[in-house]
N, C-alpha and C. Protein backbone atom coordinates (compact mmCIF):
# COMPACT_ATOMS: atom_id res chain seq x y z
N UNK A 1 89.60 87.16 131.62
CA UNK A 1 90.25 88.06 132.74
C UNK A 1 91.77 87.86 132.28
N UNK A 2 92.54 89.09 132.51
CA UNK A 2 94.15 89.21 132.21
C UNK A 2 94.51 89.58 133.48
N UNK A 3 95.82 89.02 133.85
CA UNK A 3 96.30 89.38 135.05
C UNK A 3 98.02 89.31 134.88
N UNK A 4 98.54 89.93 135.88
CA UNK A 4 100.16 89.92 135.89
C UNK A 4 100.62 89.89 137.39
N UNK A 5 101.76 89.65 137.47
CA UNK A 5 102.36 89.89 138.74
C UNK A 5 103.92 90.35 138.57
N UNK A 6 104.12 91.48 139.29
CA UNK A 6 105.49 91.99 139.15
C UNK A 6 106.28 92.21 140.39
N UNK A 7 107.54 92.05 140.33
CA UNK A 7 108.14 92.13 141.70
C UNK A 7 109.50 93.10 141.47
N UNK A 8 109.81 93.81 142.50
CA UNK A 8 110.84 94.66 142.68
C UNK A 8 111.39 94.52 144.01
N UNK A 9 112.77 94.78 144.23
CA UNK A 9 113.44 95.03 145.37
C UNK A 9 113.84 96.44 145.68
N UNK A 10 113.04 97.06 146.56
CA UNK A 10 113.20 98.41 146.95
C UNK A 10 114.40 98.58 147.97
N UNK A 11 115.37 99.47 147.58
CA UNK A 11 116.43 99.57 148.59
C UNK A 11 116.15 100.49 149.67
N UNK A 12 115.11 100.12 150.50
CA UNK A 12 114.67 100.81 151.82
C UNK A 12 114.09 99.94 152.55
N UNK A 13 114.00 100.06 153.70
CA UNK A 13 113.30 99.26 154.77
C UNK A 13 111.80 99.26 154.48
N UNK A 14 111.32 98.30 155.25
CA UNK A 14 109.71 98.00 154.95
C UNK A 14 108.91 99.31 155.51
N UNK A 15 109.35 99.99 156.56
CA UNK A 15 108.73 101.17 157.07
C UNK A 15 108.75 102.40 156.25
N UNK A 16 110.02 102.74 155.64
CA UNK A 16 110.02 103.86 154.70
C UNK A 16 109.23 103.55 153.51
N UNK A 17 109.23 102.17 153.00
CA UNK A 17 108.62 101.70 151.88
C UNK A 17 107.12 101.96 152.03
N UNK A 18 106.60 101.59 153.21
CA UNK A 18 104.98 101.70 153.43
C UNK A 18 104.76 103.20 153.58
N UNK A 19 105.60 103.96 154.25
CA UNK A 19 105.29 105.49 154.49
C UNK A 19 105.02 106.20 153.00
N UNK A 20 105.65 105.60 151.95
CA UNK A 20 105.37 106.05 150.56
C UNK A 20 104.17 105.42 150.00
N UNK A 21 104.09 104.16 150.19
CA UNK A 21 103.07 103.35 149.44
C UNK A 21 101.72 103.49 150.03
N UNK A 22 101.59 103.89 151.33
CA UNK A 22 100.31 103.99 151.90
C UNK A 22 99.62 105.25 151.31
N UNK A 23 100.12 106.10 150.42
CA UNK A 23 99.45 107.26 150.05
C UNK A 23 98.86 107.02 148.58
N UNK A 24 97.39 107.01 148.40
CA UNK A 24 96.96 106.79 147.17
C UNK A 24 97.14 107.77 146.10
N UNK A 25 97.42 109.12 146.47
CA UNK A 25 97.81 110.05 145.62
C UNK A 25 99.05 109.86 144.76
N UNK A 26 99.97 109.23 145.60
CA UNK A 26 101.09 108.88 145.07
C UNK A 26 101.21 107.79 144.06
N UNK A 27 100.36 106.74 144.38
CA UNK A 27 100.25 105.64 143.45
C UNK A 27 99.47 106.33 142.07
N UNK A 28 98.56 107.04 142.24
CA UNK A 28 97.97 107.60 140.94
C UNK A 28 98.98 108.35 140.27
N UNK A 29 99.57 109.38 140.89
CA UNK A 29 100.63 110.19 140.14
C UNK A 29 101.62 109.57 139.26
N UNK A 30 102.00 108.25 139.58
CA UNK A 30 103.05 107.61 138.80
C UNK A 30 102.45 106.68 137.66
N UNK A 31 101.13 106.66 137.75
CA UNK A 31 100.31 105.92 136.49
C UNK A 31 100.62 106.61 135.21
N UNK A 32 100.95 105.84 134.27
CA UNK A 32 101.16 106.40 132.76
C UNK A 32 99.97 107.21 132.34
N UNK A 33 99.95 108.31 131.82
CA UNK A 33 98.87 109.15 131.52
C UNK A 33 98.03 109.74 132.50
N UNK A 34 98.65 109.89 133.80
CA UNK A 34 97.98 110.68 134.88
C UNK A 34 97.54 112.07 134.58
N UNK A 35 96.47 112.24 134.97
CA UNK A 35 95.87 113.61 134.80
C UNK A 35 95.60 114.31 136.06
N UNK A 36 94.82 113.45 137.00
CA UNK A 36 94.40 113.83 138.28
C UNK A 36 93.92 112.89 139.13
N UNK A 37 93.95 113.09 140.45
CA UNK A 37 93.32 112.08 141.35
C UNK A 37 92.54 112.84 142.30
N UNK A 38 91.38 112.37 142.58
CA UNK A 38 90.44 112.97 143.63
C UNK A 38 90.40 111.97 144.69
N UNK A 39 90.82 112.30 145.96
CA UNK A 39 90.49 111.50 147.05
C UNK A 39 89.12 111.84 147.53
N UNK A 40 88.27 110.57 147.61
CA UNK A 40 86.92 110.69 148.11
C UNK A 40 86.97 110.50 149.62
N UNK A 41 87.53 109.44 150.10
CA UNK A 41 87.60 109.14 151.60
C UNK A 41 89.02 108.22 151.55
N UNK A 42 89.15 107.68 152.84
CA UNK A 42 90.50 106.95 153.21
C UNK A 42 90.47 105.65 152.33
N UNK A 43 89.35 105.23 151.79
CA UNK A 43 89.42 103.90 151.10
C UNK A 43 89.08 104.17 149.53
N UNK A 44 88.55 105.25 149.12
CA UNK A 44 88.10 105.46 147.78
C UNK A 44 88.62 106.71 147.03
N UNK A 45 88.98 106.60 145.68
CA UNK A 45 89.48 107.67 145.05
C UNK A 45 89.11 107.64 143.55
N UNK A 46 89.24 108.66 142.94
CA UNK A 46 88.80 108.67 141.45
C UNK A 46 90.23 109.20 140.65
N UNK A 47 90.55 108.28 139.84
CA UNK A 47 91.66 108.77 138.97
C UNK A 47 91.44 108.91 137.60
N UNK A 48 92.03 109.96 137.19
CA UNK A 48 91.62 110.51 135.65
C UNK A 48 92.88 110.20 134.89
N UNK A 49 92.91 109.32 133.97
CA UNK A 49 94.16 108.80 133.17
C UNK A 49 93.83 108.95 131.62
N UNK A 50 94.86 109.28 131.01
CA UNK A 50 94.74 109.38 129.34
C UNK A 50 95.65 108.10 129.09
N UNK A 51 94.77 107.10 128.47
CA UNK A 51 95.34 105.80 128.15
C UNK A 51 95.21 105.75 126.52
N UNK A 52 96.13 104.88 126.00
CA UNK A 52 96.13 104.65 124.61
C UNK A 52 96.53 103.10 124.33
N UNK A 53 95.99 102.48 123.36
CA UNK A 53 96.44 101.22 122.66
C UNK A 53 96.44 101.53 121.31
N UNK A 54 97.64 101.39 120.63
CA UNK A 54 97.93 101.66 119.37
C UNK A 54 97.53 103.13 119.06
N UNK A 55 96.61 103.44 118.16
CA UNK A 55 96.32 104.81 117.63
C UNK A 55 95.22 105.43 118.46
N UNK A 56 94.51 104.55 119.37
CA UNK A 56 93.48 104.84 119.98
C UNK A 56 93.74 105.48 121.40
N UNK A 57 93.54 106.72 121.69
CA UNK A 57 93.92 107.43 122.94
C UNK A 57 92.63 108.04 123.54
N UNK A 58 92.20 107.80 124.76
CA UNK A 58 91.14 108.65 125.34
C UNK A 58 91.43 108.63 126.93
N UNK A 59 90.57 109.49 127.48
CA UNK A 59 90.66 109.73 128.82
C UNK A 59 89.64 108.81 129.51
N UNK A 60 90.03 108.10 130.66
CA UNK A 60 89.26 107.36 131.40
C UNK A 60 89.14 107.82 132.83
N UNK A 61 88.13 107.52 133.64
CA UNK A 61 88.01 107.76 135.03
C UNK A 61 87.92 106.46 135.52
N UNK A 62 88.71 106.25 136.59
CA UNK A 62 88.87 105.04 137.21
C UNK A 62 88.42 105.25 138.78
N UNK A 63 87.53 104.38 139.31
CA UNK A 63 87.11 104.41 140.77
C UNK A 63 88.02 103.33 141.38
N UNK A 64 88.74 103.61 142.39
CA UNK A 64 89.63 102.74 143.01
C UNK A 64 89.19 102.66 144.46
N UNK A 65 89.03 101.36 144.81
CA UNK A 65 88.48 101.14 146.25
C UNK A 65 89.51 100.30 147.05
N UNK A 66 89.97 100.72 148.04
CA UNK A 66 90.90 99.81 148.75
C UNK A 66 90.10 98.86 149.64
N UNK A 67 90.20 97.59 149.42
CA UNK A 67 89.45 96.61 150.27
C UNK A 67 90.03 96.47 151.64
N UNK A 68 91.39 96.44 151.71
CA UNK A 68 92.07 96.04 152.91
C UNK A 68 93.44 96.80 152.96
N UNK A 69 93.47 97.45 154.19
CA UNK A 69 94.81 98.24 154.47
C UNK A 69 95.35 97.30 155.50
N UNK A 70 96.43 96.51 155.32
CA UNK A 70 97.07 95.81 156.30
C UNK A 70 98.59 96.03 156.27
N UNK A 71 98.96 97.55 156.33
CA UNK A 71 100.22 97.79 156.18
C UNK A 71 101.25 97.47 157.40
N UNK A 72 102.51 97.27 157.17
CA UNK A 72 103.13 97.68 156.10
C UNK A 72 103.31 96.61 155.02
N UNK A 73 102.59 95.53 155.23
CA UNK A 73 102.87 94.26 154.41
C UNK A 73 101.91 94.14 153.30
N UNK A 74 100.70 94.68 153.47
CA UNK A 74 99.71 94.29 152.49
C UNK A 74 98.53 95.33 152.29
N UNK A 75 98.05 95.41 150.93
CA UNK A 75 97.05 96.26 150.42
C UNK A 75 96.32 95.34 149.49
N UNK A 76 94.88 95.27 149.50
CA UNK A 76 94.08 94.65 148.47
C UNK A 76 93.12 95.72 147.92
N UNK A 77 93.03 95.84 146.59
CA UNK A 77 92.15 96.83 146.15
C UNK A 77 91.33 96.34 144.92
N UNK A 78 90.31 97.10 144.41
CA UNK A 78 89.55 96.80 143.31
C UNK A 78 89.43 98.20 142.58
N UNK A 79 88.96 98.10 141.31
CA UNK A 79 88.78 99.28 140.42
C UNK A 79 87.72 99.02 139.43
N UNK A 80 87.16 99.98 139.03
CA UNK A 80 86.15 99.95 137.91
C UNK A 80 86.16 101.33 137.20
N UNK A 81 86.20 101.11 135.80
CA UNK A 81 86.17 102.38 134.99
C UNK A 81 84.82 102.84 134.82
N UNK A 82 84.52 104.06 134.90
CA UNK A 82 83.43 104.74 134.83
C UNK A 82 83.01 104.91 133.46
N UNK A 83 81.71 104.35 133.05
CA UNK A 83 81.32 104.36 131.82
C UNK A 83 81.76 103.17 130.90
N UNK A 84 82.59 102.34 131.37
CA UNK A 84 83.23 101.19 130.58
C UNK A 84 82.99 99.90 131.11
N UNK A 85 82.89 98.96 130.47
CA UNK A 85 82.61 97.57 131.29
C UNK A 85 83.97 96.88 131.57
N UNK A 86 84.58 97.58 132.39
CA UNK A 86 85.94 97.07 132.75
C UNK A 86 86.06 97.22 134.38
N UNK A 87 86.38 96.07 134.97
CA UNK A 87 86.83 95.98 136.37
C UNK A 87 87.98 95.27 136.60
N UNK A 88 88.47 95.37 137.82
CA UNK A 88 89.77 94.68 138.23
C UNK A 88 89.81 94.71 139.66
N UNK A 89 91.19 94.26 139.92
CA UNK A 89 91.56 94.32 141.46
C UNK A 89 93.02 93.93 141.45
N UNK A 90 93.51 93.98 142.72
CA UNK A 90 94.98 93.60 142.78
C UNK A 90 95.52 93.53 144.17
N UNK A 91 96.77 93.47 144.39
CA UNK A 91 97.16 93.58 145.57
C UNK A 91 98.73 94.19 145.55
N UNK A 92 99.29 94.51 146.78
CA UNK A 92 100.35 94.99 147.13
C UNK A 92 100.93 94.09 148.39
N UNK A 93 102.05 93.43 148.09
CA UNK A 93 102.59 92.60 149.16
C UNK A 93 104.17 93.10 149.35
N UNK A 94 104.46 93.39 150.72
CA UNK A 94 105.80 93.78 150.85
C UNK A 94 106.44 92.89 151.94
N UNK A 95 107.79 92.39 151.79
CA UNK A 95 108.32 91.55 152.69
C UNK A 95 109.73 92.23 153.01
N UNK A 96 110.08 92.42 154.17
CA UNK A 96 111.55 92.91 154.50
C UNK A 96 112.57 91.84 154.01
N UNK A 97 113.66 92.32 153.41
CA UNK A 97 114.60 91.51 153.00
C UNK A 97 116.08 91.70 153.78
N UNK A 98 115.86 92.31 154.93
CA UNK A 98 117.08 92.34 155.85
C UNK A 98 118.00 93.42 155.07
N UNK A 99 118.99 93.86 155.66
CA UNK A 99 119.88 94.88 155.29
C UNK A 99 119.19 96.28 154.57
N UNK A 100 118.10 96.59 154.98
CA UNK A 100 117.42 97.67 154.57
C UNK A 100 116.68 97.65 153.15
N UNK A 101 116.31 96.34 152.72
CA UNK A 101 115.64 96.16 151.43
C UNK A 101 114.35 95.49 151.78
N UNK A 102 113.46 95.84 150.69
CA UNK A 102 111.95 95.36 150.84
C UNK A 102 111.53 94.77 149.41
N UNK A 103 111.14 93.54 149.54
CA UNK A 103 110.76 92.80 148.33
C UNK A 103 109.32 93.31 148.19
N UNK A 104 108.87 93.86 147.04
CA UNK A 104 107.55 94.34 146.60
C UNK A 104 106.89 93.46 145.66
N UNK A 105 105.88 92.85 145.76
CA UNK A 105 105.09 92.28 144.73
C UNK A 105 103.65 92.84 144.31
N UNK A 106 103.54 93.29 143.17
CA UNK A 106 102.12 93.92 142.79
C UNK A 106 101.56 92.84 141.91
N UNK A 107 100.22 92.67 142.11
CA UNK A 107 99.33 91.72 141.25
C UNK A 107 98.17 92.82 140.84
N UNK A 108 97.97 92.48 139.57
CA UNK A 108 96.88 93.18 138.84
C UNK A 108 96.01 92.25 138.14
N UNK A 109 94.65 92.40 138.19
CA UNK A 109 93.85 91.58 137.36
C UNK A 109 92.90 92.55 136.63
N UNK A 110 92.53 92.26 135.48
CA UNK A 110 91.59 93.21 134.67
C UNK A 110 90.65 92.36 133.89
N UNK A 111 89.29 92.68 134.06
CA UNK A 111 88.41 91.76 133.30
C UNK A 111 87.32 92.88 132.50
N UNK A 112 87.27 92.49 131.35
CA UNK A 112 86.22 93.16 130.53
C UNK A 112 84.78 92.44 130.69
N UNK A 113 83.70 93.08 130.45
CA UNK A 113 82.44 92.40 130.41
C UNK A 113 81.73 92.74 129.32
N UNK A 114 80.74 91.90 129.01
CA UNK A 114 79.85 92.41 127.86
C UNK A 114 80.33 91.72 126.57
N UNK A 115 79.74 92.01 125.27
CA UNK A 115 80.23 91.29 124.13
C UNK A 115 81.68 91.75 123.59
N UNK A 116 82.19 93.01 124.11
CA UNK A 116 83.49 93.50 123.82
C UNK A 116 84.53 92.98 124.54
N UNK A 117 84.32 92.23 125.67
CA UNK A 117 85.23 91.64 126.43
C UNK A 117 86.45 91.02 125.76
N UNK A 118 86.11 89.97 124.84
CA UNK A 118 87.27 89.18 124.31
C UNK A 118 88.18 89.96 123.49
N UNK A 119 87.48 90.90 122.71
CA UNK A 119 88.49 91.94 122.07
C UNK A 119 89.21 92.86 122.98
N UNK A 120 88.67 93.35 124.03
CA UNK A 120 89.38 94.12 124.95
C UNK A 120 90.52 93.32 125.54
N UNK A 121 90.15 92.15 126.03
CA UNK A 121 91.31 91.34 126.65
C UNK A 121 92.37 91.02 125.73
N UNK A 122 91.96 90.51 124.39
CA UNK A 122 92.95 90.33 123.57
C UNK A 122 94.00 91.34 123.31
N UNK A 123 93.45 92.78 123.25
CA UNK A 123 94.46 93.91 122.97
C UNK A 123 95.03 94.15 124.21
N UNK A 124 94.44 94.01 125.54
CA UNK A 124 95.23 94.41 126.83
C UNK A 124 96.15 93.23 127.34
N UNK A 125 95.90 92.03 126.86
CA UNK A 125 96.80 90.93 127.31
C UNK A 125 98.30 91.29 127.20
N UNK A 126 98.73 91.66 126.03
CA UNK A 126 100.12 91.94 125.88
C UNK A 126 100.61 93.22 126.49
N UNK A 127 99.68 94.13 126.77
CA UNK A 127 100.05 95.40 127.32
C UNK A 127 100.09 95.25 128.79
N UNK A 128 99.28 94.60 129.50
CA UNK A 128 99.23 94.80 130.95
C UNK A 128 100.60 94.40 131.53
N UNK A 129 101.20 93.36 131.28
CA UNK A 129 102.54 92.99 131.90
C UNK A 129 103.68 94.15 131.76
N UNK A 130 103.74 94.71 130.49
CA UNK A 130 104.62 95.75 130.33
C UNK A 130 104.31 97.01 131.20
N UNK A 131 102.83 97.28 131.04
CA UNK A 131 102.41 98.53 132.04
C UNK A 131 102.77 98.29 133.43
N UNK A 132 102.42 97.19 133.78
CA UNK A 132 102.65 96.68 135.34
C UNK A 132 104.19 96.83 135.62
N UNK A 133 104.88 96.27 134.87
CA UNK A 133 106.47 96.48 135.07
C UNK A 133 106.90 97.72 135.24
N UNK A 134 106.62 98.43 134.22
CA UNK A 134 106.87 99.98 134.33
C UNK A 134 106.47 100.62 135.48
N UNK A 135 105.26 100.21 135.92
CA UNK A 135 104.79 101.02 137.25
C UNK A 135 105.43 100.65 138.39
N UNK A 136 105.75 99.25 138.49
CA UNK A 136 106.59 98.63 139.64
C UNK A 136 107.89 99.43 139.66
N UNK A 137 108.76 99.24 138.47
CA UNK A 137 109.99 100.07 138.55
C UNK A 137 109.81 101.56 138.82
N UNK A 138 108.70 102.19 138.47
CA UNK A 138 108.68 103.69 138.88
C UNK A 138 108.40 103.66 140.42
N UNK A 139 107.57 102.74 140.88
CA UNK A 139 107.32 103.02 142.32
C UNK A 139 108.49 102.60 143.05
N UNK A 140 109.41 101.78 142.67
CA UNK A 140 110.62 101.60 143.24
C UNK A 140 111.62 102.84 143.27
N UNK A 141 111.49 103.36 142.10
CA UNK A 141 112.50 104.61 141.94
C UNK A 141 111.94 105.67 142.87
N UNK A 142 110.67 105.76 142.89
CA UNK A 142 110.05 107.06 143.82
C UNK A 142 110.34 106.74 145.25
N UNK A 143 110.03 105.51 145.68
CA UNK A 143 110.31 105.24 147.20
C UNK A 143 111.84 105.64 147.43
N UNK A 144 112.67 104.96 146.67
CA UNK A 144 114.15 105.25 146.74
C UNK A 144 114.56 106.68 146.66
N UNK A 145 113.96 107.42 145.92
CA UNK A 145 114.31 108.89 145.76
C UNK A 145 113.72 109.46 147.16
N UNK A 146 112.44 109.15 147.66
CA UNK A 146 112.00 109.64 148.74
C UNK A 146 112.76 109.55 150.04
N UNK A 147 113.38 108.41 150.10
CA UNK A 147 114.33 108.11 151.23
C UNK A 147 115.79 108.37 151.00
N UNK A 148 116.01 109.04 149.94
CA UNK A 148 117.38 109.53 149.58
C UNK A 148 118.37 108.39 149.28
N UNK A 149 117.87 107.39 148.59
CA UNK A 149 118.75 106.40 148.16
C UNK A 149 119.18 106.61 146.64
N UNK A 150 120.28 106.59 146.39
CA UNK A 150 120.67 106.74 145.00
C UNK A 150 120.30 105.45 144.13
N UNK A 151 119.83 105.58 143.01
CA UNK A 151 119.38 104.48 142.13
C UNK A 151 120.62 103.80 141.64
N UNK A 152 120.69 102.51 141.59
CA UNK A 152 121.81 101.87 141.06
C UNK A 152 122.15 102.23 139.76
N UNK A 153 123.49 102.58 139.40
CA UNK A 153 123.85 102.75 137.97
C UNK A 153 124.20 101.76 137.36
N UNK A 154 123.63 101.63 135.92
CA UNK A 154 123.89 100.48 135.16
C UNK A 154 125.38 100.32 134.85
N UNK A 155 125.82 99.32 134.61
CA UNK A 155 127.26 99.13 134.22
C UNK A 155 127.36 99.68 132.90
N UNK A 156 128.71 100.27 132.64
CA UNK A 156 128.74 101.01 131.38
C UNK A 156 128.84 99.88 130.32
N UNK A 157 128.44 100.30 129.21
CA UNK A 157 128.25 99.26 128.20
C UNK A 157 129.75 99.07 127.46
N UNK A 158 130.28 98.05 127.12
CA UNK A 158 131.46 97.84 126.55
C UNK A 158 131.48 98.22 125.12
N UNK A 159 132.46 99.23 124.74
CA UNK A 159 132.40 99.73 123.43
C UNK A 159 133.31 99.05 122.54
N UNK A 160 132.95 98.75 121.31
CA UNK A 160 133.85 98.16 120.55
C UNK A 160 135.11 98.78 120.22
N UNK A 161 136.15 98.08 119.72
CA UNK A 161 137.50 98.79 119.51
C UNK A 161 137.20 99.86 118.42
N UNK A 162 136.51 99.52 117.49
CA UNK A 162 136.23 100.67 116.35
C UNK A 162 135.69 101.76 117.06
N UNK A 163 134.64 101.84 117.89
CA UNK A 163 134.00 102.83 118.46
C UNK A 163 135.09 103.67 119.36
N UNK A 164 135.97 103.18 120.00
CA UNK A 164 136.86 103.61 120.85
C UNK A 164 137.94 104.48 120.10
N UNK A 165 138.28 103.81 118.82
CA UNK A 165 139.16 104.53 118.00
C UNK A 165 138.51 105.77 117.42
N UNK A 166 137.25 105.61 117.04
CA UNK A 166 136.49 106.85 116.56
C UNK A 166 136.48 107.96 117.61
N UNK A 167 136.06 107.64 118.89
CA UNK A 167 136.00 108.56 119.84
C UNK A 167 137.42 109.32 120.00
N UNK A 168 138.63 108.53 119.96
CA UNK A 168 139.92 109.05 120.00
C UNK A 168 140.16 109.99 118.89
N UNK A 169 139.74 109.61 117.67
CA UNK A 169 140.03 110.56 116.48
C UNK A 169 139.17 111.75 116.60
N UNK A 170 137.87 111.68 116.99
CA UNK A 170 137.14 112.90 117.27
C UNK A 170 137.73 113.74 118.25
N UNK A 171 138.21 113.24 119.28
CA UNK A 171 138.90 114.06 120.34
C UNK A 171 140.18 114.65 119.84
N UNK A 172 140.92 114.06 119.00
CA UNK A 172 142.29 114.34 118.47
C UNK A 172 141.74 115.65 117.57
N UNK A 173 140.82 115.43 116.64
CA UNK A 173 140.41 116.46 115.60
C UNK A 173 139.92 117.70 116.36
N UNK A 174 139.20 117.69 117.38
CA UNK A 174 138.70 118.82 118.20
C UNK A 174 139.96 119.56 118.79
N UNK A 175 140.86 118.78 119.45
CA UNK A 175 142.13 119.53 120.19
C UNK A 175 142.94 120.26 119.09
N UNK A 176 143.04 119.57 117.79
CA UNK A 176 143.89 120.09 116.75
C UNK A 176 143.22 121.39 116.08
N UNK A 177 141.73 121.26 115.77
CA UNK A 177 141.14 122.26 115.13
C UNK A 177 140.03 123.10 115.90
N UNK A 178 140.31 123.05 117.30
CA UNK A 178 139.30 123.76 118.04
C UNK A 178 139.60 125.37 118.07
């Protein structure tokens, strides 16, 4: 089994965070390779994703089952790939951080079964943390966008003296020969 836990601080209170997070369709739509999501009932859905590891790309159908809705603080879920010996589960935990922020922790476990499990887990081991981190950051961005919070802008990179002189010379050239 491979597993990872990712943490982000969402710049929104716990209720607005939950209002976004409680919708399975929204979770599916930000998955890398998202193709479609079919809601079966309040606890079950089927996600169609195009996934790739290296040069191998294929479409998979994932049955997602919510084991426990305990919002706004917690959700526990399991999943199973249709036609593939892969199962897993995970959790969503949210904790208010005061001043309108929410700490969100996402945990995911994936297990392959059968004779190909060791190979599948060896290939997926390095990919899962990167995948989950990207998903957590996208979830944060989508919640903040939904509540109208502008994302934090990264600090401008310091440019070398040579790069700044080059910029100045290009600007001078354009103004003289424009």
